[in-house]
C-alpha atoms as a PDB file:
ATOM      1  CA  MET A   1     -10.156 -13.315 -15.281  1.00  0.00           C
ATOM      2  CA  PRO A   2      -8.396 -11.201 -12.512  1.00  0.00           C
ATOM      3  CA  TYR A   3      -8.362  -8.213 -14.678  1.00  0.00           C
ATOM      4  CA  ARG A   4     -11.658  -8.303 -16.880  1.00  0.00           C
ATOM      5  CA  SER A   5     -13.692  -5.356 -17.513  1.00  0.00           C
ATOM      6  CA  MET A   6     -16.263  -4.093 -15.200  1.00  0.00           C
ATOM      7  CA  SER A   7     -19.345  -2.112 -15.757  1.00  0.00           C
ATOM      8  CA  LEU A   8     -20.278   0.507 -13.634  1.00  0.00           C
ATOM      9  CA  GLU A   9     -22.252  -1.163 -11.337  1.00  0.00           C
ATOM     10  CA  ASP A  10     -19.266  -3.693 -10.691  1.00  0.00           C
ATOM     11  CA  PHE A  11     -16.893  -0.975 -10.249  1.00  0.00           C
ATOM     12  CA  ALA A  12     -19.136   0.610  -7.588  1.00  0.00           C
ATOM     13  CA  GLU A  13     -19.739  -2.790  -5.621  1.00  0.00           C
ATOM     14  CA  HIS A  14     -15.843  -3.201  -6.062  1.00  0.00           C
ATOM     15  CA  VAL A  15     -14.894  -0.146  -4.695  1.00  0.00           C
ATOM     16  CA  GLY A  16     -17.832   0.468  -2.035  1.00  0.00           C
ATOM     17  CA  MET A  17     -19.138   3.229  -3.775  1.00  0.00           C
ATOM     18  CA  ASP A  18     -22.779   4.543  -4.472  1.00  0.00           C
ATOM     19  CA  VAL A  19     -23.711   3.823  -8.298  1.00  0.00           C
ATOM     20  CA  ARG A  20     -24.906   7.211  -8.980  1.00  0.00           C
ATOM     21  CA  GLN A  21     -21.612   8.690  -7.508  1.00  0.00           C
ATOM     22  CA  VAL A  22     -19.479   6.600  -9.674  1.00  0.00           C
ATOM     23  CA  ARG A  23     -21.765   7.726 -12.816  1.00  0.00           C
ATOM     24  CA  ARG A  24     -20.950  11.338 -12.103  1.00  0.00           C
ATOM     25  CA  LEU A  25     -17.598  10.930 -11.237  1.00  0.00           C
ATOM     26  CA  ALA A  26     -17.217   8.720 -14.756  1.00  0.00           C
ATOM     27  CA  ASP A  27     -19.127  11.610 -16.522  1.00  0.00           C
ATOM     28  CA  ARG A  28     -16.460  14.047 -15.195  1.00  0.00           C
ATOM     29  CA  GLY A  29     -13.550  12.268 -16.218  1.00  0.00           C
ATOM     30  CA  SER A  30     -12.448  11.394 -12.770  1.00  0.00           C
ATOM     31  CA  LEU A  31     -12.376   7.831 -12.995  1.00  0.00           C
ATOM     32  CA  PRO A  32     -10.151   5.448 -14.860  1.00  0.00           C
ATOM     33  CA  ALA A  33     -13.190   4.416 -17.314  1.00  0.00           C
ATOM     34  CA  GLN A  34     -13.840   4.259 -20.989  1.00  0.00           C
ATOM     35  CA  LYS A  35     -17.264   4.323 -22.840  1.00  0.00           C
ATOM     36  CA  VAL A  36     -17.973   1.261 -24.849  1.00  0.00           C
ATOM     37  CA  GLY A  37     -21.108   0.936 -26.933  1.00  0.00           C
ATOM     38  CA  GLY A  38     -22.314   4.236 -24.787  1.00  0.00           C
ATOM     39  CA  GLN A  39     -21.595   2.223 -21.722  1.00  0.00           C
ATOM     40  CA  TRP A  40     -19.179   2.734 -18.973  1.00  0.00           C
ATOM     41  CA  ARG A  41     -16.383  -0.075 -18.735  1.00  0.00           C
ATOM     42  CA  PHE A  42     -13.449  -0.213 -16.051  1.00  0.00           C
ATOM     43  CA  ASN A  43     -10.570  -2.240 -16.506  1.00  0.00           C
ATOM     44  CA  ARG A  44      -9.467  -4.056 -13.074  1.00  0.00           C
ATOM     45  CA  ALA A  45      -5.821  -3.283 -13.435  1.00  0.00           C
ATOM     46  CA  GLU A  46      -6.418   0.154 -14.349  1.00  0.00           C
ATOM     47  CA  VAL A  47      -8.741   0.837 -11.092  1.00  0.00           C
ATOM     48  CA  THR A  48      -6.217  -1.039  -8.922  1.00  0.00           C
ATOM     49  CA  GLU A  49      -3.699   1.394 -10.038  1.00  0.00           C
ATOM     50  CA  TRP A  50      -6.082   4.397  -9.782  1.00  0.00           C
ATOM     51  CA  LEU A  51      -6.895   3.252  -6.585  1.00  0.00           C
ATOM     52  CA  GLN A  52      -3.222   3.243  -5.153  1.00  0.00           C
ATOM     53  CA  GLN A  53      -2.629   6.543  -6.425  1.00  0.00           C
ATOM     54  CA  GLU A  54      -5.957   8.204  -4.857  1.00  0.00           C
ATOM     55  CA  MET A  55      -5.749   6.505  -1.641  1.00  0.00           C
ATOM     56  CA  PRO A  56      -3.714   8.861   0.434  1.00  0.00           C
ATOM     57  CA  SER A  57      -6.431  11.554  -0.535  1.00  0.00           C
ATOM     58  CA  PHE A  58      -9.312   9.453   1.190  1.00  0.00           C
ATOM     59  CA  ASP A  59     -10.491  10.455   4.563  1.00  0.00           C
ATOM     60  CA  GLU A  60     -10.994   7.729   7.434  1.00  0.00           C
ATOM     61  CA  ARG A  61     -14.611   6.904   6.271  1.00  0.00           C
ATOM     62  CA  ARG A  62     -13.617   6.373   2.665  1.00  0.00           C
ATOM     63  CA  LEU A  63     -10.533   4.070   3.669  1.00  0.00           C
ATOM     64  CA  ILE A  64     -13.019   1.962   6.120  1.00  0.00           C
ATOM     65  CA  THR A  65     -15.502   1.743   3.117  1.00  0.00           C
ATOM     66  CA  LEU A  66     -12.849   0.488   0.711  1.00  0.00           C
ATOM     67  CA  GLU A  67     -11.627  -1.970   3.401  1.00  0.00           C
ATOM     68  CA  GLN A  68     -15.011  -3.456   3.890  1.00  0.00           C
ATOM     69  CA  ALA A  69     -15.466  -3.684   0.134  1.00  0.00           C
ATOM     70  CA  MET A  70     -12.012  -5.402  -0.545  1.00  0.00           C
ATOM     71  CA  GLY A  71     -13.361  -8.093   2.350  1.00  0.00           C
ATOM     72  CA  GLY A  72     -11.591  -6.410   5.218  1.00  0.00           C
ATOM     73  CA  GLU A  73     -14.307  -6.935   7.750  1.00  0.00           C
ATOM     74  CA  ALA A  74     -14.992 -10.318   6.804  1.00  0.00           C
ATOM     75  CA  SER A  75     -11.328 -11.484   7.030  1.00  0.00           C
ATOM     76  CA  GLY A  76     -10.330 -10.031  10.419  1.00  0.00           C
ATOM     77  CA  MET A  77      -7.045  -8.690   8.667  1.00  0.00           C
ATOM     78  CA  THR A  78      -4.401  -7.363  10.689  1.00  0.00           C
ATOM     79  CA  VAL A  79      -1.278  -5.959   8.614  1.00  0.00           C
ATOM     80  CA  THR A  80       0.804  -6.196  11.419  1.00  0.00           C
ATOM     81  CA  GLU A  81       0.557 -10.162  11.148  1.00  0.00           C
ATOM     82  CA  LEU A  82       2.485  -9.757   8.033  1.00  0.00           C
ATOM     83  CA  ILE A  83       5.514  -8.199   9.517  1.00  0.00           C
ATOM     84  CA  GLY A  84       7.951 -10.191  11.190  1.00  0.00           C
ATOM     85  CA  LEU A  85      11.214  -8.537  13.420  1.00  0.00           C
ATOM     86  CA  GLU A  86      13.532 -10.061  10.979  1.00  0.00           C
ATOM     87  CA  GLY A  87      11.634  -7.866   8.332  1.00  0.00           C
ATOM     88  CA  ILE A  88      12.671  -4.895  10.173  1.00  0.00           C
ATOM     89  CA  ASP A  89      15.455  -2.471   9.943  1.00  0.00           C
ATOM     90  CA  VAL A  90      15.382   0.596  12.192  1.00  0.00           C
ATOM     91  CA  ALA A  91      18.676   1.805  10.791  1.00  0.00           C
ATOM     92  CA  LEU A  92      18.787   0.914   6.967  1.00  0.00           C
ATOM     93  CA  VAL A  93      21.875   1.917   5.343  1.00  0.00           C
ATOM     94  CA  ALA A  94      20.808   3.741   1.917  1.00  0.00           C
ATOM     95  CA  ASN A  95      21.513   7.441   0.521  1.00  0.00           C
ATOM     96  CA  THR A  96      19.419   7.004  -2.876  1.00  0.00           C
ATOM     97  CA  ARG A  97      16.492   6.092  -4.126  1.00  0.00           C
ATOM     98  CA  ALA A  98      17.657   3.225  -6.151  1.00  0.00           C
ATOM     99  CA  SER A  99      19.750   1.885  -2.868  1.00  0.00           C
ATOM    100  CA  VAL A 100      16.568   2.299  -0.715  1.00  0.00           C
ATOM    101  CA  LEU A 101      14.557  -0.332  -2.995  1.00  0.00           C
ATOM    102  CA  ARG A 102      17.816  -2.737  -3.320  1.00  0.00           C
ATOM    103  CA  GLU A 103      18.341  -2.743   0.423  1.00  0.00           C
ATOM    104  CA  LEU A 104      14.442  -3.113   1.001  1.00  0.00           C
ATOM    105  CA  VAL A 105      14.174  -6.276  -0.800  1.00  0.00           C
ATOM    106  CA  ASN A 106      17.281  -7.479   0.648  1.00  0.00           C
ATOM    107  CA  LEU A 107      15.461  -7.152   4.309  1.00  0.00           C
ATOM    108  CA  ALA A 108      12.742  -9.021   2.385  1.00  0.00           C
ATOM    109  CA  ASP A 109      14.974 -11.756   1.245  1.00  0.00           C
ATOM    110  CA  ARG A 110      16.256 -12.129   4.567  1.00  0.00           C
ATOM    111  CA  THR A 111      12.905 -13.156   5.980  1.00  0.00           C
ATOM    112  CA  GLY A 112      13.419 -16.311   4.326  1.00  0.00           C
ATOM    113  CA  ARG A 113       9.828 -15.771   2.473  1.00  0.00           C
ATOM    114  CA  LEU A 114      10.960 -14.532  -0.707  1.00  0.00           C
ATOM    115  CA  TYR A 115      11.730 -16.929  -3.724  1.00  0.00           C
ATOM    116  CA  ASP A 116      12.386 -14.086  -6.379  1.00  0.00           C
ATOM    117  CA  ALA A 117      14.413 -10.928  -5.034  1.00  0.00           C
ATOM    118  CA  LYS A 118      15.748 -10.091  -8.301  1.00  0.00           C
ATOM    119  CA  GLY A 119      12.033 -10.109  -9.757  1.00  0.00           C
ATOM    120  CA  LEU A 120      10.555  -8.395  -6.930  1.00  0.00           C
ATOM    121  CA  LEU A 121      13.237  -5.790  -6.943  1.00  0.00           C
ATOM    122  CA  GLN A 122      12.610  -5.285 -10.620  1.00  0.00           C
ATOM    123  CA  ALA A 123       8.991  -4.789  -9.985  1.00  0.00           C
ATOM    124  CA  VAL A 124       9.173  -2.102  -7.246  1.00  0.00           C
ATOM    125  CA  GLN A 125      11.648  -0.263  -9.321  1.00  0.00           C
ATOM    126  CA  GLU A 126       8.947  -0.121 -12.360  1.00  0.00           C
ATOM    127  CA  ARG A 127       6.363   1.043 -10.006  1.00  0.00           C
ATOM    128  CA  GLU A 128       8.545   3.742  -8.563  1.00  0.00           C
ATOM    129  CA  SER A 129       9.378   4.773 -12.232  1.00  0.00           C
ATOM    130  CA  MET A 130       5.834   5.775 -13.009  1.00  0.00           C
ATOM    131  CA  CYS A 131       4.948   7.497  -9.789  1.00  0.00           C
ATOM    132  CA  SER A 132       6.491   7.777  -6.369  1.00  0.00           C
ATOM    133  CA  THR A 133       4.633   5.874  -3.358  1.00  0.00           C
ATOM    134  CA  ALA A 134       5.674   8.601  -1.035  1.00  0.00           C
ATOM    135  CA  LEU A 135       2.961   9.569   1.197  1.00  0.00           C
ATOM    136  CA  PRO A 136       2.736  12.644   3.794  1.00  0.00           C
ATOM    137  CA  HIS A 137       5.210  13.071   6.864  1.00  0.00           C
ATOM    138  CA  GLY A 138       8.331  11.369   5.381  1.00  0.00           C
ATOM    139  CA  VAL A 139       6.720   8.084   4.582  1.00  0.00           C
ATOM    140  CA  ALA A 140       6.977   5.916   1.306  1.00  0.00           C
ATOM    141  CA  ILE A 141       5.307   2.389   0.673  1.00  0.00           C
ATOM    142  CA  PRO A 142       6.907   0.882  -2.165  1.00  0.00           C
ATOM    143  CA  HIS A 143       5.180  -2.163  -3.757  1.00  0.00           C
ATOM    144  CA  PRO A 144       4.780  -3.751  -7.066  1.00  0.00           C
ATOM    145  CA  ARG A 145       2.275  -2.362  -9.572  1.00  0.00           C
ATOM    146  CA  GLN A 146       0.242  -5.653  -9.794  1.00  0.00           C
ATOM    147  CA  PRO A 147       0.397  -8.190  -7.065  1.00  0.00           C
ATOM    148  CA  MET A 148       3.160 -11.245  -7.286  1.00  0.00           C
ATOM    149  CA  PRO A 149       1.789 -14.460  -6.231  1.00  0.00           C
ATOM    150  CA  TYR A 150       4.908 -16.442  -6.984  1.00  0.00           C
ATOM    151  CA  VAL A 151       7.410 -13.907  -5.652  1.00  0.00           C
ATOM    152  CA  SER A 152       7.108 -15.196  -1.987  1.00  0.00           C
ATOM    153  CA  SER A 153       5.865 -18.017  -0.004  1.00  0.00           C
ATOM    154  CA  GLU A 154       3.210 -15.667   1.734  1.00  0.00           C
ATOM    155  CA  PRO A 155       2.560 -11.938   1.620  1.00  0.00           C
ATOM    156  CA  ILE A 156       5.222  -9.817   3.203  1.00  0.00           C
ATOM    157  CA  ILE A 157       5.483  -6.233   4.494  1.00  0.00           C
ATOM    158  CA  CYS A 158       8.961  -5.142   5.668  1.00  0.00           C
ATOM    159  CA  VAL A 159       9.722  -1.972   7.573  1.00  0.00           C
ATOM    160  CA  ALA A 160      12.670   0.205   7.323  1.00  0.00           C
ATOM    161  CA  ARG A 161      13.847   3.491   8.653  1.00  0.00           C
ATOM    162  CA  LEU A 162      16.851   5.557   7.414  1.00  0.00           C
ATOM    163  CA  THR A 163      19.051   7.233   9.790  1.00  0.00           C
ATOM    164  CA  ARG A 164      17.762  10.458   7.764  1.00  0.00           C
ATOM    165  CA  GLY A 165      15.611  11.271   5.106  1.00  0.00           C
ATOM    166  CA  LEU A 166      16.095  11.469   1.422  1.00  0.00           C
ATOM    167  CA  GLY A 167      14.529  12.499  -1.730  1.00  0.00           C
ATOM    168  CA  PHE A 168      12.194   9.830  -2.891  1.00  0.00           C
ATOM    169  CA  GLY A 169      10.170  11.661  -5.561  1.00  0.00           C
ATOM    170  CA  SER A 170       7.662  12.686  -3.092  1.00  0.00           C
ATOM    171  CA  PRO A 171       4.627  14.830  -4.595  1.00  0.00           C
ATOM    172  CA  TYR A 172       4.614  16.354  -1.028  1.00  0.00           C
ATOM    173  CA  ARG A 173       8.300  18.000  -1.333  1.00  0.00           C
ATOM    174  CA  ASP A 174       9.322  16.837   1.739  1.00  0.00           C
ATOM    175  CA  LEU A 175      12.240  14.223   2.348  1.00  0.00           C
ATOM    176  CA  THR A 176      11.408  10.421   3.025  1.00  0.00           C
ATOM    177  CA  GLN A 177      12.739   8.349   5.832  1.00  0.00           C
ATOM    178  CA  LEU A 178      10.425   5.412   6.816  1.00  0.00           C
ATOM    179  CA  PHE A 179       9.688   2.793   4.279  1.00  0.00           C
ATOM    180  CA  PHE A 180       7.195   0.055   4.232  1.00  0.00           C
ATOM    181  CA  LEU A 181       7.703  -2.738   1.472  1.00  0.00           C
ATOM    182  CA  ILE A 182       4.527  -4.296   0.509  1.00  0.00           C
ATOM    183  CA  CYS A 183       4.287  -7.716  -1.656  1.00  0.00           C
ATOM    184  CA  CYS A 184       0.651  -9.329  -1.506  1.00  0.00           C
ATOM    185  CA  HIS A 185      -0.595 -12.410  -3.668  1.00  0.00           C
ATOM    186  CA  ASP A 186      -3.692 -10.948  -5.075  1.00  0.00           C
ATOM    187  CA  ASP A 187      -5.392  -7.368  -5.658  1.00  0.00           C
ATOM    188  CA  ARG A 188      -7.857  -7.242  -3.117  1.00  0.00           C
ATOM    189  CA  HIS A 189      -5.632  -8.093  -0.351  1.00  0.00           C
ATOM    190  CA  HIS A 190      -3.111  -5.854  -1.610  1.00  0.00           C
ATOM    191  CA  LEU A 191      -5.843  -2.802  -1.649  1.00  0.00           C
ATOM    192  CA  ARG A 192      -6.854  -3.788   1.796  1.00  0.00           C
ATOM    193  CA  VAL A 193      -3.192  -3.641   3.263  1.00  0.00           C
ATOM    194  CA  LEU A 194      -2.669  -0.422   1.549  1.00  0.00           C
ATOM    195  CA  ALA A 195      -5.978   1.103   2.967  1.00  0.00           C
ATOM    196  CA  ARG A 196      -5.167  -0.088   6.418  1.00  0.00           C
ATOM    197  CA  LEU A 197      -1.328   0.966   6.390  1.00  0.00           C
ATOM    198  CA  VAL A 198      -2.730   4.549   5.376  1.00  0.00           C
ATOM    199  CA  ARG A 199      -5.031   4.721   8.258  1.00  0.00           C
ATOM    200  CA  LEU A 200      -2.499   3.571  10.657  1.00  0.00           C
ATOM    201  CA  LEU A 201       0.486   5.833   9.575  1.00  0.00           C
ATOM    202  CA  ASP A 202      -1.148   9.387  10.845  1.00  0.00           C
ATOM    203  CA  GLU A 203       1.303  12.063  11.998  1.00  0.00           C
ATOM    204  CA  HIS A 204       1.247  10.736  15.807  1.00  0.00           C
ATOM    205  CA  THR A 205       2.016   7.222  14.909  1.00  0.00           C
ATOM    206  CA  ILE A 206       5.101   8.044  12.418  1.00  0.00           C
ATOM    207  CA  HIS A 207       6.380  10.594  15.040  1.00  0.00           C
ATOM    208  CA  ARG A 208       6.573   7.463  17.609  1.00  0.00           C
ATOM    209  CA  ILE A 209       8.067   5.111  15.181  1.00  0.00           C
ATOM    210  CA  MET A 210      10.731   7.753  14.418  1.00  0.00           C
ATOM    211  CA  ALA A 211      11.478   7.782  18.171  1.00  0.00           C
ATOM    212  CA  VAL A 212      12.211   4.132  18.822  1.00  0.00           C
ATOM    213  CA  GLU A 213      15.226   2.257  18.822  1.00  0.00           C
ATOM    214  CA  ALA A 214      14.452  -1.353  18.448  1.00  0.00           C
ATOM    215  CA  PRO A 215      12.697  -3.423  16.213  1.00  0.00           C
ATOM    216  CA  GLU A 216      10.535  -4.753  18.743  1.00  0.00           C
ATOM    217  CA  ASP A 217       9.535  -1.244  19.739  1.00  0.00           C
ATOM    218  CA  LEU A 218       8.646   0.098  16.271  1.00  0.00           C
ATOM    219  CA  LEU A 219       6.178  -3.298  15.955  1.00  0.00           C
ATOM    220  CA  ALA A 220       4.785  -2.973  19.081  1.00  0.00           C
ATOM    221  CA  CYS A 221       3.889   0.899  17.959  1.00  0.00           C
ATOM    222  CA  LEU A 222       2.139  -0.430  14.685  1.00  0.00           C
ATOM    223  CA  ILE A 223       0.509  -3.437  16.874  1.00  0.00           C
ATOM    224  CA  GLU A 224      -0.861  -0.724  19.100  1.00  0.00           C
ATOM    225  CA  LYS A 225      -2.151   1.801  16.413  1.00  0.00           C
ATOM    226  CA  GLU A 226      -3.663  -1.159  14.615  1.00  0.00           C
ATOM    227  CA  SER A 227      -5.455  -2.268  17.703  1.00  0.00           C
ATOM    228  CA  GLN A 228      -7.123   0.982  17.972  1.00  0.00           C
ATOM    229  CA  VAL A 229      -8.137   1.300  14.576  1.00  0.00           C
ATOM    230  CA  VAL A 230      -9.824  -2.229  14.819  1.00  0.00           C
ATOM    231  CA  SER A 231     -11.686  -1.452  18.037  1.00  0.00           C
ATOM    232  CA  GLN A 232     -12.937   1.679  16.602  1.00  0.00           C
ATOM    233  CA  GLY A 233     -14.955  -0.224  14.038  1.00  0.00           C
ATOM    234  CA  LEU A 234     -12.640  -2.253  11.323  1.00  0.00           C
END
């Protein structure tokens, strides 16, 4: 069962944390946990949602540990392999939060790998209505709340840049101009992809991406950064 309840020990292994640290955080109410029969229990769907929201605040070591826990090291995963040139738009035409999501899904549809554009759009709209996926430095990573294995032929990442930023509900109170739409097929892969993207999108890399003029150059920036990240230990 993909969203079964986990014990405290299961949770610690799942996210790559020390059991004692998990117990302390659960006792403080800092984790998505409920006590059942005197024991902490974790719902896997709630854990996935918690990780999605907390990940931008993780430091590099914590992100690496999470990737390893999700199988990133063994898989040899690179997120740039999920990005095709046909899924990049360096001048997306959109001027509202709703139109950005709609045009991102249209971009994914143009890759030929999407089966259910309507379903994906509804899912990303529902996710954004809960809490903005905006990160610091004008970036957002829209995605469904839960993986959608039947919406596409394979996992997809689409990248779009607006000519100028707009309000996207960022908790950092800045305008958002660069978007990464993620559609994965299982929760572990989804979390690996999110963790890797957070690692790639430092301020320097974002600045480089905002300066390029062609999809090929944007993808080259990401490939170069990911190569550096992988060479550093994962």
